[in-house]
Amino acid sequence: MPKRSKQNWEKLFPNIKPQAADLLSKMLTFNPDKRYSVEECLAHPYFDGLHDEEQEVISKKGFDWGWDNFKPTKDLLQNMVYEESLYYHPEATEPVVKKPKRDLK
């Protein structure tokens, strides 16, 4: 995909508060090394008064995605997104993309 310029949140959302725009920019930074972590987001001033480190447990263990063992091809991912949308909009038509078989071994 072509490179895109940074979005102006105030232009897209005219009523956005400056702290919300700042947090949104830090959460949606393309480079994952520069993107805010969950901990950094929760400590952001936007969440002042809503954040209590004493009650927020941080796991030391990463999430195991092993249950989702399939090769993510373009057709498969497109179809999975479409099927998920059908859950919320069952009146929609059947998928145009043929559904590949998933091997869940």
N, C-alpha and C. Protein backbone atom coordinates (compact mmCIF):
# COMPACT_ATOMS: atom_id res chain seq x y z
N MET A 1 0.84 -1.18 0.00
CA MET A 1 0.00 0.00 0.00
C MET A 1 0.88 1.24 0.00
N PRO A 2 0.40 2.29 -0.65
CA PRO A 2 1.20 3.51 -0.67
C PRO A 2 1.28 4.14 0.72
N LYS A 3 2.36 4.87 0.94
CA LYS A 3 2.55 5.55 2.22
C LYS A 3 1.51 6.65 2.36
N ARG A 4 0.96 6.77 3.56
CA ARG A 4 -0.06 7.79 3.83
C ARG A 4 0.47 8.76 4.86
N SER A 5 -0.02 9.97 4.77
CA SER A 5 0.39 10.97 5.75
C SER A 5 -0.42 10.79 7.03
N LYS A 6 0.12 11.36 8.10
CA LYS A 6 -0.54 11.28 9.40
C LYS A 6 -1.88 12.01 9.33
N GLN A 7 -2.89 11.41 9.96
CA GLN A 7 -4.23 12.01 9.95
C GLN A 7 -4.34 13.14 10.97
N ASN A 8 -5.12 14.14 10.61
CA ASN A 8 -5.40 15.24 11.52
C ASN A 8 -6.71 14.91 12.22
N TRP A 9 -6.62 14.45 13.47
CA TRP A 9 -7.79 13.99 14.20
C TRP A 9 -8.79 15.12 14.43
N GLU A 10 -8.27 16.35 14.63
CA GLU A 10 -9.16 17.49 14.86
C GLU A 10 -10.01 17.78 13.62
N LYS A 11 -9.45 17.53 12.45
CA LYS A 11 -10.21 17.74 11.21
C LYS A 11 -11.24 16.63 11.01
N LEU A 12 -10.85 15.38 11.30
CA LEU A 12 -11.76 14.25 11.16
C LEU A 12 -12.87 14.26 12.21
N PHE A 13 -12.50 14.67 13.43
CA PHE A 13 -13.44 14.71 14.56
C PHE A 13 -13.40 16.10 15.17
N PRO A 14 -14.17 17.04 14.63
CA PRO A 14 -14.08 18.43 15.07
C PRO A 14 -14.29 18.66 16.56
N ASN A 15 -15.01 17.79 17.25
CA ASN A 15 -15.29 17.98 18.67
C ASN A 15 -14.36 17.19 19.58
N ILE A 16 -13.30 16.61 19.03
CA ILE A 16 -12.39 15.79 19.83
C ILE A 16 -11.61 16.67 20.81
N LYS A 17 -11.40 16.15 22.01
CA LYS A 17 -10.61 16.86 23.01
C LYS A 17 -9.13 16.66 22.69
N PRO A 18 -8.29 17.67 22.97
CA PRO A 18 -6.87 17.56 22.64
C PRO A 18 -6.19 16.32 23.22
N GLN A 19 -6.51 15.95 24.46
CA GLN A 19 -5.90 14.76 25.06
C GLN A 19 -6.34 13.49 24.34
N ALA A 20 -7.59 13.44 23.89
CA ALA A 20 -8.09 12.28 23.14
C ALA A 20 -7.37 12.18 21.80
N ALA A 21 -7.17 13.30 21.13
CA ALA A 21 -6.46 13.31 19.84
C ALA A 21 -5.02 12.84 20.04
N ASP A 22 -4.38 13.30 21.11
CA ASP A 22 -3.01 12.90 21.40
C ASP A 22 -2.93 11.39 21.65
N LEU A 23 -3.84 10.87 22.47
CA LEU A 23 -3.85 9.44 22.76
C LEU A 23 -4.12 8.62 21.50
N LEU A 24 -5.07 9.06 20.70
CA LEU A 24 -5.40 8.36 19.45
C LEU A 24 -4.18 8.28 18.54
N SER A 25 -3.45 9.37 18.43
CA SER A 25 -2.24 9.38 17.59
C SER A 25 -1.21 8.38 18.11
N LYS A 26 -1.07 8.31 19.41
CA LYS A 26 -0.08 7.40 19.99
C LYS A 26 -0.51 5.94 19.89
N MET A 27 -1.82 5.69 19.91
CA MET A 27 -2.33 4.32 19.79
C MET A 27 -2.29 3.83 18.35
N LEU A 28 -2.45 4.74 17.39
CA LEU A 28 -2.55 4.35 15.99
C LEU A 28 -1.29 4.66 15.19
N THR A 29 -0.15 4.74 15.88
CA THR A 29 1.13 4.91 15.20
C THR A 29 1.44 3.63 14.44
N PHE A 30 1.81 3.77 13.17
CA PHE A 30 2.02 2.60 12.32
C PHE A 30 3.18 1.74 12.81
N ASN A 31 4.28 2.34 13.16
CA ASN A 31 5.46 1.60 13.60
C ASN A 31 5.21 1.02 14.99
N PRO A 32 5.17 -0.30 15.12
CA PRO A 32 4.87 -0.91 16.43
C PRO A 32 5.91 -0.59 17.50
N ASP A 33 7.15 -0.28 17.10
CA ASP A 33 8.18 0.08 18.07
C ASP A 33 7.93 1.47 18.66
N LYS A 34 7.20 2.31 17.94
CA LYS A 34 6.90 3.67 18.41
C LYS A 34 5.48 3.78 18.97
N ARG A 35 4.65 2.78 18.69
CA ARG A 35 3.25 2.78 19.15
C ARG A 35 3.20 2.60 20.66
N TYR A 36 2.24 3.27 21.30
CA TYR A 36 2.07 3.16 22.75
C TYR A 36 1.65 1.75 23.14
N SER A 37 2.18 1.28 24.24
CA SER A 37 1.77 -0.01 24.80
C SER A 37 0.47 0.20 25.58
N VAL A 38 -0.15 -0.88 26.00
CA VAL A 38 -1.36 -0.78 26.82
C VAL A 38 -1.06 -0.01 28.10
N GLU A 39 0.07 -0.33 28.72
CA GLU A 39 0.44 0.35 29.97
C GLU A 39 0.60 1.85 29.75
N GLU A 40 1.25 2.23 28.63
CA GLU A 40 1.44 3.66 28.33
C GLU A 40 0.10 4.34 28.06
N CYS A 41 -0.79 3.63 27.37
CA CYS A 41 -2.11 4.20 27.10
C CYS A 41 -2.88 4.44 28.39
N LEU A 42 -2.87 3.46 29.29
CA LEU A 42 -3.60 3.60 30.55
C LEU A 42 -3.02 4.71 31.43
N ALA A 43 -1.73 5.00 31.29
CA ALA A 43 -1.09 6.05 32.09
C ALA A 43 -1.24 7.43 31.44
N HIS A 44 -1.81 7.48 30.25
CA HIS A 44 -1.98 8.76 29.53
C HIS A 44 -2.94 9.67 30.32
N PRO A 45 -2.71 10.98 30.29
CA PRO A 45 -3.58 11.92 31.00
C PRO A 45 -5.07 11.83 30.63
N TYR A 46 -5.39 11.31 29.45
CA TYR A 46 -6.79 11.17 29.05
C TYR A 46 -7.55 10.29 30.04
N PHE A 47 -6.85 9.34 30.64
CA PHE A 47 -7.50 8.40 31.56
C PHE A 47 -7.32 8.79 33.03
N ASP A 48 -6.87 10.02 33.30
CA ASP A 48 -6.73 10.46 34.69
C ASP A 48 -8.04 10.23 35.45
N GLY A 49 -7.93 9.63 36.61
CA GLY A 49 -9.10 9.37 37.43
C GLY A 49 -9.79 8.05 37.12
N LEU A 50 -9.42 7.41 36.01
CA LEU A 50 -10.04 6.14 35.63
C LEU A 50 -9.07 4.97 35.74
N HIS A 51 -7.82 5.28 35.98
CA HIS A 51 -6.75 4.30 35.93
C HIS A 51 -6.21 4.04 37.33
N ASP A 52 -6.16 2.77 37.73
CA ASP A 52 -5.65 2.41 39.05
C ASP A 52 -4.69 1.23 38.88
N GLU A 53 -3.41 1.51 38.93
CA GLU A 53 -2.39 0.47 38.72
C GLU A 53 -2.51 -0.68 39.71
N GLU A 54 -3.02 -0.41 40.89
CA GLU A 54 -3.17 -1.46 41.90
C GLU A 54 -4.17 -2.53 41.47
N GLN A 55 -5.15 -2.15 40.67
CA GLN A 55 -6.19 -3.10 40.24
C GLN A 55 -5.95 -3.68 38.85
N GLU A 56 -4.91 -3.23 38.17
CA GLU A 56 -4.64 -3.68 36.80
C GLU A 56 -3.50 -4.69 36.81
N VAL A 57 -3.83 -5.92 36.55
CA VAL A 57 -2.84 -6.99 36.54
C VAL A 57 -2.22 -7.08 35.15
N ILE A 58 -0.91 -7.14 35.12
CA ILE A 58 -0.20 -7.27 33.84
C ILE A 58 0.37 -8.68 33.77
N SER A 59 0.00 -9.40 32.75
CA SER A 59 0.46 -10.77 32.59
C SER A 59 1.93 -10.79 32.16
N LYS A 60 2.66 -11.70 32.70
CA LYS A 60 4.07 -11.88 32.33
C LYS A 60 4.20 -12.84 31.14
N LYS A 61 3.10 -13.49 30.82
CA LYS A 61 3.09 -14.51 29.78
C LYS A 61 2.35 -13.98 28.55
N GLY A 62 2.91 -14.21 27.36
CA GLY A 62 2.26 -13.80 26.13
C GLY A 62 1.05 -14.66 25.81
N PHE A 63 0.19 -14.16 24.95
CA PHE A 63 -1.00 -14.89 24.55
C PHE A 63 -0.64 -15.97 23.54
N ASP A 64 -1.15 -17.17 23.72
CA ASP A 64 -0.87 -18.29 22.82
C ASP A 64 -1.95 -18.34 21.74
N TRP A 65 -1.54 -18.05 20.52
CA TRP A 65 -2.47 -18.08 19.38
C TRP A 65 -2.47 -19.45 18.70
N GLY A 66 -1.92 -20.48 19.33
CA GLY A 66 -1.82 -21.81 18.75
C GLY A 66 -3.15 -22.40 18.31
N TRP A 67 -4.24 -22.05 19.00
CA TRP A 67 -5.57 -22.57 18.65
C TRP A 67 -6.01 -22.08 17.28
N ASP A 68 -5.40 -21.01 16.81
CA ASP A 68 -5.79 -20.40 15.53
C ASP A 68 -4.76 -20.79 14.47
N ASN A 69 -4.52 -22.08 14.36
CA ASN A 69 -3.46 -22.58 13.50
C ASN A 69 -3.94 -22.78 12.06
N PHE A 70 -3.72 -21.76 11.24
CA PHE A 70 -4.06 -21.85 9.82
C PHE A 70 -3.14 -20.91 9.05
N LYS A 71 -3.00 -21.17 7.77
CA LYS A 71 -2.19 -20.30 6.93
C LYS A 71 -3.07 -19.12 6.49
N PRO A 72 -2.72 -17.89 6.88
CA PRO A 72 -3.58 -16.74 6.58
C PRO A 72 -3.42 -16.25 5.14
N THR A 73 -4.11 -16.90 4.22
CA THR A 73 -4.07 -16.46 2.83
C THR A 73 -5.03 -15.28 2.65
N LYS A 74 -4.86 -14.55 1.58
CA LYS A 74 -5.72 -13.40 1.30
C LYS A 74 -7.19 -13.84 1.20
N ASP A 75 -7.46 -14.88 0.43
CA ASP A 75 -8.84 -15.35 0.26
C ASP A 75 -9.46 -15.79 1.58
N LEU A 76 -8.68 -16.52 2.37
CA LEU A 76 -9.19 -17.01 3.64
C LEU A 76 -9.52 -15.84 4.58
N LEU A 77 -8.60 -14.89 4.70
CA LEU A 77 -8.83 -13.75 5.59
C LEU A 77 -10.02 -12.90 5.11
N GLN A 78 -10.13 -12.69 3.81
CA GLN A 78 -11.28 -11.95 3.28
C GLN A 78 -12.58 -12.65 3.63
N ASN A 79 -12.59 -13.94 3.46
CA ASN A 79 -13.80 -14.70 3.74
C ASN A 79 -14.13 -14.72 5.23
N MET A 80 -13.11 -14.81 6.08
CA MET A 80 -13.34 -14.81 7.52
C MET A 80 -13.93 -13.46 7.97
N VAL A 81 -13.42 -12.37 7.42
CA VAL A 81 -13.97 -11.05 7.75
C VAL A 81 -15.41 -10.96 7.27
N TYR A 82 -15.66 -11.46 6.06
CA TYR A 82 -17.02 -11.43 5.52
C TYR A 82 -17.97 -12.27 6.38
N GLU A 83 -17.55 -13.46 6.76
CA GLU A 83 -18.39 -14.32 7.59
C GLU A 83 -18.68 -13.67 8.95
N GLU A 84 -17.71 -13.00 9.50
CA GLU A 84 -17.91 -12.30 10.77
C GLU A 84 -18.95 -11.19 10.60
N SER A 85 -18.88 -10.49 9.47
CA SER A 85 -19.86 -9.42 9.23
C SER A 85 -21.27 -10.00 9.02
N LEU A 86 -21.35 -11.20 8.46
CA LEU A 86 -22.66 -11.84 8.29
C LEU A 86 -23.33 -12.12 9.64
N TYR A 87 -22.52 -12.35 10.66
CA TYR A 87 -23.07 -12.58 11.98
C TYR A 87 -23.89 -11.37 12.43
N TYR A 88 -23.39 -10.18 12.11
CA TYR A 88 -24.07 -8.94 12.51
C TYR A 88 -25.08 -8.46 11.46
N HIS A 89 -24.96 -8.96 10.24
CA HIS A 89 -25.87 -8.58 9.15
C HIS A 89 -26.30 -9.82 8.38
N PRO A 90 -27.12 -10.69 8.99
CA PRO A 90 -27.49 -11.95 8.33
C PRO A 90 -28.31 -11.76 7.05
N GLU A 91 -28.83 -10.57 6.85
CA GLU A 91 -29.62 -10.32 5.64
C GLU A 91 -28.74 -10.18 4.39
N ALA A 92 -27.44 -10.09 4.57
CA ALA A 92 -26.51 -9.92 3.44
C ALA A 92 -26.45 -11.20 2.60
N THR A 93 -25.91 -11.07 1.40
CA THR A 93 -25.81 -12.22 0.48
C THR A 93 -24.64 -13.12 0.85
N GLU A 94 -24.55 -14.26 0.21
CA GLU A 94 -23.48 -15.21 0.45
C GLU A 94 -22.15 -14.68 -0.09
N PRO A 95 -21.02 -15.17 0.42
CA PRO A 95 -19.72 -14.69 -0.03
C PRO A 95 -19.46 -14.95 -1.50
N VAL A 96 -18.75 -14.01 -2.11
CA VAL A 96 -18.34 -14.15 -3.50
C VAL A 96 -17.09 -15.02 -3.56
N VAL A 97 -16.21 -14.87 -2.58
CA VAL A 97 -14.97 -15.64 -2.52
C VAL A 97 -15.29 -17.05 -2.03
N LYS A 98 -14.77 -18.04 -2.75
CA LYS A 98 -15.00 -19.42 -2.32
C LYS A 98 -14.26 -19.66 -1.01
N LYS A 99 -14.92 -20.34 -0.11
CA LYS A 99 -14.35 -20.58 1.21
C LYS A 99 -13.33 -21.71 1.15
N PRO A 100 -12.04 -21.39 1.42
CA PRO A 100 -11.05 -22.47 1.47
C PRO A 100 -11.22 -23.27 2.74
N LYS A 101 -10.84 -24.52 2.69
CA LYS A 101 -10.96 -25.37 3.87
C LYS A 101 -9.82 -25.05 4.82
N ARG A 102 -10.17 -24.93 6.09
CA ARG A 102 -9.16 -24.67 7.13
C ARG A 102 -8.73 -25.97 7.75
N ASP A 103 -7.43 -26.13 7.85
CA ASP A 103 -6.88 -27.31 8.51
C ASP A 103 -6.54 -26.91 9.94
N LEU A 104 -7.31 -27.39 10.91
CA LEU A 104 -7.14 -27.00 12.30
C LEU A 104 -6.43 -28.08 13.11
N LYS A 105 -5.45 -28.70 12.52
CA LYS A 105 -4.72 -29.77 13.22
C LYS A 105 -3.87 -29.21 14.32
